[in-house]
C-alpha atoms as a PDB file:
ATOM      1  CA  MET A   1      15.040 -14.484   3.798  1.00  0.00           C
ATOM      2  CA  ARG A   2      17.407 -14.177   6.724  1.00  0.00           C
ATOM      3  CA  TRP A   3      16.176 -12.340   9.837  1.00  0.00           C
ATOM      4  CA  THR A   4      18.690 -10.805  12.256  1.00  0.00           C
ATOM      5  CA  ARG A   5      17.777  -9.212  15.571  1.00  0.00           C
ATOM      6  CA  LEU A   6      18.735  -5.579  16.117  1.00  0.00           C
ATOM      7  CA  PRO A   7      19.294  -4.093  19.592  1.00  0.00           C
ATOM      8  CA  GLU A   8      16.052  -3.294  21.375  1.00  0.00           C
ATOM      9  CA  THR A   9      15.143   0.381  21.593  1.00  0.00           C
ATOM     10  CA  PRO A  10      15.334   2.181  24.993  1.00  0.00           C
ATOM     11  CA  ASN A  11      11.761   3.464  24.747  1.00  0.00           C
ATOM     12  CA  ALA A  12       9.871   0.709  26.576  1.00  0.00           C
ATOM     13  CA  PRO A  13       7.218  -0.443  25.849  1.00  0.00           C
ATOM     14  CA  GLY A  14       8.135   0.628  22.301  1.00  0.00           C
ATOM     15  CA  VAL A  15       6.072   2.815  20.000  1.00  0.00           C
ATOM     16  CA  GLY A  16       3.668   2.436  17.105  1.00  0.00           C
ATOM     17  CA  GLY A  17       3.614   4.832  14.188  1.00  0.00           C
ATOM     18  CA  SER A  18       7.234   5.976  14.332  1.00  0.00           C
ATOM     19  CA  PHE A  19       9.144   7.452  11.400  1.00  0.00           C
ATOM     20  CA  LEU A  20      11.926   5.088  10.303  1.00  0.00           C
ATOM     21  CA  GLY A  21      14.729   5.908   7.890  1.00  0.00           C
ATOM     22  CA  VAL A  22      18.407   6.429   7.245  1.00  0.00           C
ATOM     23  CA  THR A  23      20.871   9.309   7.481  1.00  0.00           C
ATOM     24  CA  GLY A  24      24.406   8.473   6.379  1.00  0.00           C
ATOM     25  CA  GLU A  25      25.182   5.082   7.934  1.00  0.00           C
ATOM     26  CA  SER A  26      22.751   5.543  10.838  1.00  0.00           C
ATOM     27  CA  LEU A  27      19.225   4.231  11.242  1.00  0.00           C
ATOM     28  CA  LEU A  28      16.733   6.674  12.803  1.00  0.00           C
ATOM     29  CA  CYS A  29      13.514   5.922  14.674  1.00  0.00           C
ATOM     30  CA  ALA A  30      11.498   9.028  15.550  1.00  0.00           C
ATOM     31  CA  GLY A  31       8.204   9.863  17.233  1.00  0.00           C
ATOM     32  CA  GLY A  32       5.266   7.481  17.545  1.00  0.00           C
ATOM     33  CA  SER A  33       2.845   6.688  20.367  1.00  0.00           C
ATOM     34  CA  ASN A  34       2.330   4.161  23.147  1.00  0.00           C
ATOM     35  CA  PHE A  35       0.598   3.465  26.455  1.00  0.00           C
ATOM     36  CA  PRO A  36       3.516   3.816  28.914  1.00  0.00           C
ATOM     37  CA  ALA A  37       1.683   3.763  32.252  1.00  0.00           C
ATOM     38  CA  LYS A  38      -0.709   0.849  31.779  1.00  0.00           C
ATOM     39  CA  PRO A  39      -2.340  -1.017  28.872  1.00  0.00           C
ATOM     40  CA  ALA A  40      -5.146   0.545  26.880  1.00  0.00           C
ATOM     41  CA  TRP A  41      -7.593  -2.152  28.041  1.00  0.00           C
ATOM     42  CA  GLU A  42      -6.940  -1.055  31.646  1.00  0.00           C
ATOM     43  CA  GLY A  43      -7.687   2.562  30.788  1.00  0.00           C
ATOM     44  CA  GLY A  44      -4.112   3.591  30.055  1.00  0.00           C
ATOM     45  CA  ALA A  45      -3.598   6.948  28.367  1.00  0.00           C
ATOM     46  CA  LYS A  46      -2.110   7.089  24.868  1.00  0.00           C
ATOM     47  CA  VAL A  47       1.031   9.259  24.850  1.00  0.00           C
ATOM     48  CA  TRP A  48       2.656  10.798  21.770  1.00  0.00           C
ATOM     49  CA  HIS A  49       6.435  11.192  21.510  1.00  0.00           C
ATOM     50  CA  ASP A  50       9.007  13.477  19.889  1.00  0.00           C
ATOM     51  CA  GLN A  51      12.136  11.491  20.727  1.00  0.00           C
ATOM     52  CA  VAL A  52      14.603  10.629  17.936  1.00  0.00           C
ATOM     53  CA  LEU A  53      16.752   7.495  18.365  1.00  0.00           C
ATOM     54  CA  ALA A  54      19.758   6.469  16.274  1.00  0.00           C
ATOM     55  CA  LEU A  55      21.542   3.170  15.692  1.00  0.00           C
ATOM     56  CA  ALA A  56      24.941   3.871  14.160  1.00  0.00           C
ATOM     57  CA  THR A  57      25.629   0.527  12.447  1.00  0.00           C
ATOM     58  CA  THR A  58      24.543  -3.110  12.653  1.00  0.00           C
ATOM     59  CA  ARG A  59      27.582  -3.616  14.904  1.00  0.00           C
ATOM     60  CA  SER A  60      26.255  -1.081  17.402  1.00  0.00           C
ATOM     61  CA  LYS A  61      25.177  -2.558  20.731  1.00  0.00           C
ATOM     62  CA  LYS A  62      22.581   0.086  21.575  1.00  0.00           C
ATOM     63  CA  TRP A  63      20.465   2.946  20.315  1.00  0.00           C
ATOM     64  CA  THR A  64      21.228   6.504  21.397  1.00  0.00           C
ATOM     65  CA  VAL A  65      18.887   9.466  21.903  1.00  0.00           C
ATOM     66  CA  VAL A  66      20.030  12.136  19.427  1.00  0.00           C
ATOM     67  CA  GLY A  67      17.305  14.790  19.675  1.00  0.00           C
ATOM     68  CA  LYS A  68      13.653  15.647  19.219  1.00  0.00           C
ATOM     69  CA  LEU A  69      11.100  16.253  16.496  1.00  0.00           C
ATOM     70  CA  PRO A  70       9.434  19.689  16.297  1.00  0.00           C
ATOM     71  CA  ARG A  71       6.441  18.191  18.134  1.00  0.00           C
ATOM     72  CA  PRO A  72       5.227  14.834  19.499  1.00  0.00           C
ATOM     73  CA  ILE A  73       3.769  13.084  16.459  1.00  0.00           C
ATOM     74  CA  GLY A  74       3.312   9.715  14.779  1.00  0.00           C
ATOM     75  CA  TYR A  75       1.606   7.755  11.990  1.00  0.00           C
ATOM     76  CA  GLY A  76       3.026   9.854   9.189  1.00  0.00           C
ATOM     77  CA  VAL A  77       5.172   8.575   6.317  1.00  0.00           C
ATOM     78  CA  GLY A  78       8.940   8.138   6.592  1.00  0.00           C
ATOM     79  CA  VAL A  79      11.025   7.959   3.412  1.00  0.00           C
ATOM     80  CA  SER A  80      14.820   7.859   3.188  1.00  0.00           C
ATOM     81  CA  ILE A  81      16.206  10.376   0.693  1.00  0.00           C
ATOM     82  CA  ARG A  82      19.710  11.680  -0.024  1.00  0.00           C
ATOM     83  CA  GLN A  83      19.399  14.421   2.608  1.00  0.00           C
ATOM     84  CA  GLY A  84      18.231  12.037   5.371  1.00  0.00           C
ATOM     85  CA  LEU A  85      14.926  10.783   6.769  1.00  0.00           C
ATOM     86  CA  LEU A  86      11.982  12.704   5.306  1.00  0.00           C
ATOM     87  CA  THR A  87       9.017  12.802   7.714  1.00  0.00           C
ATOM     88  CA  ILE A  88       5.690  13.486   6.005  1.00  0.00           C
ATOM     89  CA  GLY A  89       2.514  14.459   7.851  1.00  0.00           C
ATOM     90  CA  GLY A  90       1.362  12.570  10.914  1.00  0.00           C
ATOM     91  CA  ALA A  91      -1.006  12.973  13.838  1.00  0.00           C
ATOM     92  CA  ASP A  92      -1.318  13.542  17.557  1.00  0.00           C
ATOM     93  CA  ALA A  93      -4.294  13.187  19.878  1.00  0.00           C
ATOM     94  CA  HIS A  94      -5.923  16.364  18.580  1.00  0.00           C
ATOM     95  CA  ARG A  95      -5.276  16.773  14.860  1.00  0.00           C
ATOM     96  CA  HIS A  96      -3.456  15.703  11.712  1.00  0.00           C
ATOM     97  CA  TYR A  97      -0.562  17.676  10.243  1.00  0.00           C
ATOM     98  CA  ALA A  98       0.813  18.690   6.852  1.00  0.00           C
ATOM     99  CA  ASP A  99       4.329  19.169   8.259  1.00  0.00           C
ATOM    100  CA  CYS A 100       7.352  17.736   6.475  1.00  0.00           C
ATOM    101  CA  TYR A 101      10.924  17.735   7.779  1.00  0.00           C
ATOM    102  CA  VAL A 102      14.262  16.138   6.951  1.00  0.00           C
ATOM    103  CA  LEU A 103      16.205  14.583   9.821  1.00  0.00           C
ATOM    104  CA  SER A 104      19.952  14.173   9.433  1.00  0.00           C
ATOM    105  CA  LEU A 105      22.928  13.504  11.683  1.00  0.00           C
ATOM    106  CA  GLU A 106      25.857  15.833  11.121  1.00  0.00           C
ATOM    107  CA  GLU A 107      28.918  15.106  13.279  1.00  0.00           C
ATOM    108  CA  GLY A 108      26.639  13.299  15.688  1.00  0.00           C
ATOM    109  CA  GLU A 109      24.196  16.190  16.031  1.00  0.00           C
ATOM    110  CA  LEU A 110      20.590  15.914  14.877  1.00  0.00           C
ATOM    111  CA  LYS A 111      19.530  18.534  12.348  1.00  0.00           C
ATOM    112  CA  VAL A 112      15.825  19.056  11.652  1.00  0.00           C
ATOM    113  CA  ARG A 113      15.149  21.048   8.498  1.00  0.00           C
ATOM    114  CA  PRO A 114      11.727  21.995   7.097  1.00  0.00           C
ATOM    115  CA  PHE A 115      10.739  20.585   3.719  1.00  0.00           C
ATOM    116  CA  PRO A 116       7.785  21.587   1.520  1.00  0.00           C
ATOM    117  CA  PHE A 117       4.618  20.895   3.518  1.00  0.00           C
ATOM    118  CA  LEU A 118       1.747  18.809   2.146  1.00  0.00           C
ATOM    119  CA  PRO A 119      -1.231  20.661   0.612  1.00  0.00           C
ATOM    120  CA  ARG A 120      -3.413  19.376   3.476  1.00  0.00           C
ATOM    121  CA  PRO A 121      -3.022  17.464   6.739  1.00  0.00           C
ATOM    122  CA  LEU A 122      -2.495  13.738   6.346  1.00  0.00           C
ATOM    123  CA  ALA A 123      -1.883  10.763   8.636  1.00  0.00           C
ATOM    124  CA  TYR A 124      -2.029   6.980   8.225  1.00  0.00           C
ATOM    125  CA  ALA A 125      -0.934   7.385   4.596  1.00  0.00           C
ATOM    126  CA  THR A 126       1.724   5.382   2.772  1.00  0.00           C
ATOM    127  CA  GLY A 127       4.612   6.513   0.614  1.00  0.00           C
ATOM    128  CA  ALA A 128       7.775   5.573  -1.239  1.00  0.00           C
ATOM    129  CA  LEU A 129      10.598   6.987  -3.352  1.00  0.00           C
ATOM    130  CA  VAL A 130       9.989   6.726  -7.104  1.00  0.00           C
ATOM    131  CA  GLY A 131      13.048   7.870  -9.022  1.00  0.00           C
ATOM    132  CA  SER A 132      13.592  11.479  -7.952  1.00  0.00           C
ATOM    133  CA  LYS A 133      10.041  11.821  -6.647  1.00  0.00           C
ATOM    134  CA  VAL A 134       8.473  11.026  -3.287  1.00  0.00           C
ATOM    135  CA  ILE A 135       4.894   9.807  -3.662  1.00  0.00           C
ATOM    136  CA  VAL A 136       2.357   9.477  -0.834  1.00  0.00           C
ATOM    137  CA  ALA A 137      -1.140   8.038  -1.119  1.00  0.00           C
ATOM    138  CA  GLY A 138      -4.260   7.551   0.958  1.00  0.00           C
ATOM    139  CA  GLY A 139      -4.561   8.350   4.654  1.00  0.00           C
ATOM    140  CA  THR A 140      -7.024  10.548   6.525  1.00  0.00           C
ATOM    141  CA  GLU A 141      -7.161  14.300   7.055  1.00  0.00           C
ATOM    142  CA  ARG A 142      -8.788  14.392  10.513  1.00  0.00           C
ATOM    143  CA  PRO A 143      -8.868  12.153  13.601  1.00  0.00           C
ATOM    144  CA  ASP A 144     -12.646  11.757  13.248  1.00  0.00           C
ATOM    145  CA  ALA A 145     -12.603  10.987   9.507  1.00  0.00           C
ATOM    146  CA  THR A 146     -15.153   8.425   8.339  1.00  0.00           C
ATOM    147  CA  VAL A 147     -13.787   8.292   4.782  1.00  0.00           C
ATOM    148  CA  ALA A 148     -10.158   7.722   3.757  1.00  0.00           C
ATOM    149  CA  SER A 149      -8.444   9.658   0.985  1.00  0.00           C
ATOM    150  CA  SER A 150      -8.055   8.311  -2.543  1.00  0.00           C
ATOM    151  CA  THR A 151      -5.633  11.119  -3.408  1.00  0.00           C
ATOM    152  CA  ALA A 152      -1.907  10.767  -4.089  1.00  0.00           C
ATOM    153  CA  TYR A 153       0.719  13.493  -4.102  1.00  0.00           C
ATOM    154  CA  ALA A 154       4.200  13.681  -5.604  1.00  0.00           C
ATOM    155  CA  LEU A 155       7.150  15.858  -4.609  1.00  0.00           C
ATOM    156  CA  ASP A 156       9.986  16.209  -7.117  1.00  0.00           C
ATOM    157  CA  LEU A 157      13.226  16.268  -5.123  1.00  0.00           C
ATOM    158  CA  ALA A 158      14.897  17.950  -8.096  1.00  0.00           C
ATOM    159  CA  ASN A 159      12.368  20.823  -8.027  1.00  0.00           C
ATOM    160  CA  LEU A 160      11.331  21.476  -4.432  1.00  0.00           C
ATOM    161  CA  ASN A 161      10.056  24.957  -5.250  1.00  0.00           C
ATOM    162  CA  ALA A 162       7.184  23.365  -7.185  1.00  0.00           C
ATOM    163  CA  GLY A 163       5.944  21.706  -3.978  1.00  0.00           C
ATOM    164  CA  TRP A 164       3.647  18.713  -3.794  1.00  0.00           C
ATOM    165  CA  LYS A 165       1.570  18.007  -6.909  1.00  0.00           C
ATOM    166  CA  GLU A 166      -1.687  16.070  -6.865  1.00  0.00           C
ATOM    167  CA  LEU A 167      -1.689  12.943  -9.031  1.00  0.00           C
ATOM    168  CA  PRO A 168      -4.667  11.497 -10.932  1.00  0.00           C
ATOM    169  CA  LEU A 169      -7.143   9.720  -8.666  1.00  0.00           C
ATOM    170  CA  CYS A 170      -6.634   6.017  -8.163  1.00  0.00           C
ATOM    171  CA  ALA A 171      -9.538   3.904  -9.445  1.00  0.00           C
ATOM    172  CA  GLY A 172      -9.746   1.983  -6.176  1.00  0.00           C
ATOM    173  CA  SER A 173     -11.320   2.940  -2.860  1.00  0.00           C
ATOM    174  CA  GLY A 174      -9.874   5.594  -0.632  1.00  0.00           C
ATOM    175  CA  ARG A 175      -7.661   3.871   1.932  1.00  0.00           C
ATOM    176  CA  MET A 176      -5.497   4.246   4.979  1.00  0.00           C
ATOM    177  CA  LEU A 177      -2.769   2.009   6.457  1.00  0.00           C
ATOM    178  CA  ALA A 178      -1.914   0.713   2.978  1.00  0.00           C
ATOM    179  CA  GLN A 179       1.461  -0.665   1.910  1.00  0.00           C
ATOM    180  CA  SER A 180       3.502   0.795  -0.929  1.00  0.00           C
ATOM    181  CA  ALA A 181       6.748   0.407  -2.847  1.00  0.00           C
ATOM    182  CA  GLY A 182       8.622   2.334  -5.484  1.00  0.00           C
ATOM    183  CA  THR A 183      10.933   1.716  -8.438  1.00  0.00           C
ATOM    184  CA  LYS A 184      12.676   4.219 -10.710  1.00  0.00           C
ATOM    185  CA  ASP A 185       9.407   5.079 -12.461  1.00  0.00           C
ATOM    186  CA  THR A 186       6.481   3.286 -10.754  1.00  0.00           C
ATOM    187  CA  PHE A 187       4.613   3.574  -7.452  1.00  0.00           C
ATOM    188  CA  TYR A 188       2.895   0.443  -6.152  1.00  0.00           C
ATOM    189  CA  LEU A 189      -0.065   0.571  -3.753  1.00  0.00           C
ATOM    190  CA  PHE A 190      -1.141  -2.590  -1.914  1.00  0.00           C
ATOM    191  CA  GLY A 191      -4.292  -3.172   0.161  1.00  0.00           C
ATOM    192  CA  GLY A 192      -5.008  -1.120   3.275  1.00  0.00           C
ATOM    193  CA  VAL A 193      -8.270  -0.213   4.959  1.00  0.00           C
ATOM    194  CA  ALA A 194     -11.298   1.635   3.559  1.00  0.00           C
ATOM    195  CA  LEU A 195     -13.514   3.640   5.922  1.00  0.00           C
ATOM    196  CA  SER A 196     -17.256   4.246   5.846  1.00  0.00           C
ATOM    197  CA  PRO A 197     -19.623   6.021   8.258  1.00  0.00           C
ATOM    198  CA  GLY A 198     -21.139   3.694  10.860  1.00  0.00           C
ATOM    199  CA  VAL A 199     -23.376   3.876  13.898  1.00  0.00           C
ATOM    200  CA  LYS A 200     -20.371   4.055  16.231  1.00  0.00           C
ATOM    201  CA  GLY A 201     -18.081   6.072  13.966  1.00  0.00           C
ATOM    202  CA  ALA A 202     -15.933   4.830  11.103  1.00  0.00           C
ATOM    203  CA  GLU A 203     -16.263   1.211  10.039  1.00  0.00           C
ATOM    204  CA  ARG A 204     -13.337  -0.581   8.434  1.00  0.00           C
ATOM    205  CA  GLU A 205     -13.157  -2.735   5.321  1.00  0.00           C
ATOM    206  CA  TYR A 206      -9.876  -4.598   4.777  1.00  0.00           C
ATOM    207  CA  LEU A 207      -8.817  -4.338   1.153  1.00  0.00           C
ATOM    208  CA  THR A 208      -7.047  -6.720  -1.210  1.00  0.00           C
ATOM    209  CA  ASP A 209      -7.000  -4.584  -4.360  1.00  0.00           C
ATOM    210  CA  CYS A 210      -3.639  -3.305  -5.617  1.00  0.00           C
ATOM    211  CA  HIS A 211      -2.691  -0.551  -8.043  1.00  0.00           C
ATOM    212  CA  ALA A 212       0.349   0.931  -9.779  1.00  0.00           C
ATOM    213  CA  PHE A 213       1.092   4.413 -11.089  1.00  0.00           C
ATOM    214  CA  THR A 214       3.853   4.852 -13.646  1.00  0.00           C
ATOM    215  CA  LEU A 215       5.130   8.423 -13.923  1.00  0.00           C
ATOM    216  CA  GLY A 216       3.513  10.244 -16.807  1.00  0.00           C
ATOM    217  CA  LYS A 217       0.786   7.618 -17.209  1.00  0.00           C
ATOM    218  CA  GLU A 218      -2.452   6.539 -15.499  1.00  0.00           C
ATOM    219  CA  TRP A 219      -3.103   4.186 -12.618  1.00  0.00           C
ATOM    220  CA  ARG A 220      -3.511   0.519 -13.532  1.00  0.00           C
ATOM    221  CA  ARG A 221      -5.003  -2.321 -11.541  1.00  0.00           C
ATOM    222  CA  LEU A 222      -2.787  -5.174 -10.394  1.00  0.00           C
ATOM    223  CA  ALA A 223      -3.450  -8.715  -9.229  1.00  0.00           C
ATOM    224  CA  PRO A 224      -5.158  -8.616  -5.815  1.00  0.00           C
ATOM    225  CA  LEU A 225      -3.544  -9.679  -2.566  1.00  0.00           C
ATOM    226  CA  PRO A 226      -4.405 -13.256  -1.539  1.00  0.00           C
ATOM    227  CA  ARG A 227      -5.682 -11.854   1.790  1.00  0.00           C
ATOM    228  CA  GLY A 228      -6.344  -8.519   3.396  1.00  0.00           C
ATOM    229  CA  ALA A 229      -3.248  -6.633   4.496  1.00  0.00           C
ATOM    230  CA  ALA A 230      -2.995  -3.356   6.371  1.00  0.00           C
ATOM    231  CA  ALA A 231      -0.302  -1.510   8.310  1.00  0.00           C
ATOM    232  CA  ALA A 232       2.543  -3.878   7.360  1.00  0.00           C
ATOM    233  CA  PRO A 233       6.035  -2.302   7.408  1.00  0.00           C
ATOM    234  CA  SER A 234       6.249   0.148   4.531  1.00  0.00           C
ATOM    235  CA  PRO A 235       7.795   1.086   2.113  1.00  0.00           C
ATOM    236  CA  CYS A 236       7.802  -2.630   1.368  1.00  0.00           C
ATOM    237  CA  PRO A 237      11.226  -4.279   1.126  1.00  0.00           C
ATOM    238  CA  SER A 238      12.365  -5.571  -2.229  1.00  0.00           C
ATOM    239  CA  LEU A 239      14.334  -8.827  -2.308  1.00  0.00           C
ATOM    240  CA  GLU A 240      15.304 -10.777  -5.412  1.00  0.00           C
ATOM    241  CA  GLY A 241      12.915  -8.859  -7.645  1.00  0.00           C
ATOM    242  CA  LYS A 242       9.863  -9.211  -5.395  1.00  0.00           C
ATOM    243  CA  PHE A 243       8.111  -6.716  -3.113  1.00  0.00           C
ATOM    244  CA  LEU A 244       7.371  -8.199   0.294  1.00  0.00           C
ATOM    245  CA  VAL A 245       4.389  -7.587   2.528  1.00  0.00           C
ATOM    246  CA  LEU A 246       5.766  -8.587   5.930  1.00  0.00           C
ATOM    247  CA  GLY A 247       2.671  -9.791   7.764  1.00  0.00           C
ATOM    248  CA  GLY A 248       0.231  -6.968   8.429  1.00  0.00           C
ATOM    249  CA  ASP A 249      -3.271  -6.955   9.872  1.00  0.00           C
ATOM    250  CA  ASP A 250      -5.436  -9.251   7.753  1.00  0.00           C
ATOM    251  CA  GLY A 251      -8.603  -7.986   9.443  1.00  0.00           C
ATOM    252  CA  LYS A 252      -9.920 -11.444  10.362  1.00  0.00           C
ATOM    253  CA  LEU A 253     -10.098 -10.605  14.071  1.00  0.00           C
ATOM    254  CA  ALA A 254     -10.730  -6.860  13.808  1.00  0.00           C
ATOM    255  CA  GLY A 255     -13.455  -5.882  16.245  1.00  0.00           C
ATOM    256  CA  LYS A 256     -14.101  -9.524  17.178  1.00  0.00           C
ATOM    257  CA  VAL A 257     -11.477 -10.140  19.870  1.00  0.00           C
ATOM    258  CA  GLU A 258     -10.482  -8.063  22.881  1.00  0.00           C
ATOM    259  CA  PRO A 259      -6.905  -6.713  22.593  1.00  0.00           C
ATOM    260  CA  LEU A 260      -5.773  -8.771  25.598  1.00  0.00           C
ATOM    261  CA  LYS A 261      -6.996 -11.992  23.951  1.00  0.00           C
ATOM    262  CA  HIS A 262      -5.694 -11.199  20.454  1.00  0.00           C
ATOM    263  CA  PRO A 263      -3.168 -13.887  19.394  1.00  0.00           C
ATOM    264  CA  GLY A 264      -1.026 -11.426  17.452  1.00  0.00           C
ATOM    265  CA  PHE A 265      -0.885 -10.332  13.832  1.00  0.00           C
ATOM    266  CA  THR A 266       0.018 -12.769  11.076  1.00  0.00           C
ATOM    267  CA  LYS A 267       3.684 -13.506  10.322  1.00  0.00           C
ATOM    268  CA  GLU A 268       2.918 -14.642   6.772  1.00  0.00           C
ATOM    269  CA  VAL A 269       5.107 -12.942   4.175  1.00  0.00           C
ATOM    270  CA  LEU A 270       3.517 -12.255   0.801  1.00  0.00           C
ATOM    271  CA  GLY A 271       5.690 -11.687  -2.258  1.00  0.00           C
ATOM    272  CA  TYR A 272       4.624  -9.701  -5.324  1.00  0.00           C
ATOM    273  CA  ASP A 273       6.416 -10.268  -8.629  1.00  0.00           C
ATOM    274  CA  PRO A 274       5.850  -7.147 -10.779  1.00  0.00           C
ATOM    275  CA  ALA A 275       7.081  -8.878 -13.922  1.00  0.00           C
ATOM    276  CA  ALA A 276       4.475 -11.634 -13.604  1.00  0.00           C
ATOM    277  CA  ASP A 277       1.854  -9.491 -11.803  1.00  0.00           C
ATOM    278  CA  ALA A 278       1.412 -12.324  -9.312  1.00  0.00           C
ATOM    279  CA  TRP A 279       1.409 -12.886  -5.543  1.00  0.00           C
ATOM    280  CA  GLU A 280       2.651 -15.892  -3.598  1.00  0.00           C
ATOM    281  CA  SER A 281       3.018 -16.865   0.044  1.00  0.00           C
ATOM    282  CA  LEU A 282       6.661 -17.030   1.128  1.00  0.00           C
ATOM    283  CA  GLY A 283       6.022 -18.658   4.482  1.00  0.00           C
ATOM    284  CA  GLU A 284       6.358 -17.034   7.897  1.00  0.00           C
ATOM    285  CA  GLY A 285       8.808 -14.368   8.948  1.00  0.00           C
ATOM    286  CA  SER A 286      10.386 -13.977  12.382  1.00  0.00           C
ATOM    287  CA  CYS A 287       8.190 -11.138  13.546  1.00  0.00           C
ATOM    288  CA  ALA A 288       4.686  -9.736  13.201  1.00  0.00           C
ATOM    289  CA  LEU A 289       4.970  -5.966  13.569  1.00  0.00           C
ATOM    290  CA  VAL A 290       2.429  -3.488  12.188  1.00  0.00           C
ATOM    291  CA  THR A 291       2.135   0.326  12.207  1.00  0.00           C
ATOM    292  CA  THR A 292       5.827   0.750  11.635  1.00  0.00           C
ATOM    293  CA  GLY A 293       8.130   1.730   8.815  1.00  0.00           C
ATOM    294  CA  CYS A 294      10.749  -0.131   6.833  1.00  0.00           C
ATOM    295  CA  ALA A 295      14.094   1.262   5.705  1.00  0.00           C
ATOM    296  CA  LYS A 296      16.800  -0.031   3.377  1.00  0.00           C
ATOM    297  CA  TRP A 297      19.907  -0.220   5.537  1.00  0.00           C
ATOM    298  CA  ASN A 298      23.205  -2.130   5.628  1.00  0.00           C
ATOM    299  CA  SER A 299      22.464  -4.511   2.746  1.00  0.00           C
ATOM    300  CA  GLY A 300      19.037  -5.323   4.146  1.00  0.00           C
ATOM    301  CA  PHE A 301      15.778  -3.810   5.325  1.00  0.00           C
ATOM    302  CA  ALA A 302      15.225  -2.684   8.909  1.00  0.00           C
ATOM    303  CA  VAL A 303      11.915  -2.927  10.785  1.00  0.00           C
ATOM    304  CA  VAL A 304      11.766  -1.354  14.264  1.00  0.00           C
ATOM    305  CA  ASN A 305       9.064  -1.203  16.972  1.00  0.00           C
ATOM    306  CA  GLY A 306       5.371  -1.242  15.993  1.00  0.00           C
ATOM    307  CA  GLU A 307       2.475  -3.301  17.368  1.00  0.00           C
ATOM    308  CA  THR A 308       2.464  -7.067  17.872  1.00  0.00           C
ATOM    309  CA  ARG A 309      -1.301  -7.039  18.540  1.00  0.00           C
ATOM    310  CA  PRO A 310      -3.805  -4.183  18.980  1.00  0.00           C
ATOM    311  CA  CYS A 311      -2.576  -1.602  21.530  1.00  0.00           C
ATOM    312  CA  THR A 312       0.544  -3.669  22.371  1.00  0.00           C
ATOM    313  CA  ARG A 313       3.870  -2.119  21.341  1.00  0.00           C
ATOM    314  CA  SER A 314       7.304  -3.701  20.994  1.00  0.00           C
ATOM    315  CA  THR A 315      10.894  -2.534  21.445  1.00  0.00           C
ATOM    316  CA  GLU A 316      12.222  -5.146  19.024  1.00  0.00           C
ATOM    317  CA  GLY A 317      14.006  -4.511  15.750  1.00  0.00           C
ATOM    318  CA  TRP A 318      14.913  -6.743  12.816  1.00  0.00           C
ATOM    319  CA  LEU A 319      17.077  -6.662   9.722  1.00  0.00           C
ATOM    320  CA  VAL A 320      15.757  -8.701   6.770  1.00  0.00           C
ATOM    321  CA  ARG A 321      18.163  -9.833   4.080  1.00  0.00           C
ATOM    322  CA  ALA A 322      18.116 -12.224   1.161  1.00  0.00           C
ATOM    323  CA  GLU A 323      19.622 -15.632   1.935  1.00  0.00           C
END
């Protein structure tokens, strides 16, 4: 893998949970949340954003502000489709949303068009393009949820009037902050976090189980991840026939270390070979960003903003290519 730095975004300190995707030749980064005044561990307030940024090409020196989302929102699913960046669901400080929109740049002007809404509110889900269908899975329906969803939905881009259709239930646990990938006919679901009711609210279990759903068939279980992985950039990039989990939160320090003392999330890259149904470690990448998207762009895969450790955002961006 070859990692190339992209220009830093002008939204210091950066955001987590933004929608990332492509319209034409431009890369879009929209929405998300951060702690702009002071860090969370000093009592800083979490702020949600509606700003939409664009980077025209890899030769561009800086991002530009091109418009706004319908509302400040983050932690939904962003998928690049022919019409532009499809934003699916998301959350703010008060509730989760079923909203879906397509963002596109037309002669430099941002257009925000409604798309079929989800059947129910959903945030912290994962999703990918599978042939002509967009599939989303997992997530939570409310900010105070103590159980994550095990439901998946599919939207046929060739038949939008039919809306989102519920898929068969996955045999694994309900999960949020999972990673996913798509091919022409199969949706892959990797790891994530399961929730259960606890004394102080929801308790987290970091998952290693993986599953695949081939259109017209049932879910099947795949080889497990070699370690827990949650919130890694998703949809996962695909290089040389392998799906890559770029770091992620492995859960080893979750709830055990104060955010200020957290050393940062793992940079280990895991590669999944669907032909062999096998995982392997591919060494360390150049960054360790979680709660952010990933978009195929300019012969590589872009990763922008996210968290480097709990509650700490970043303005960095990277383009990952095969050597």
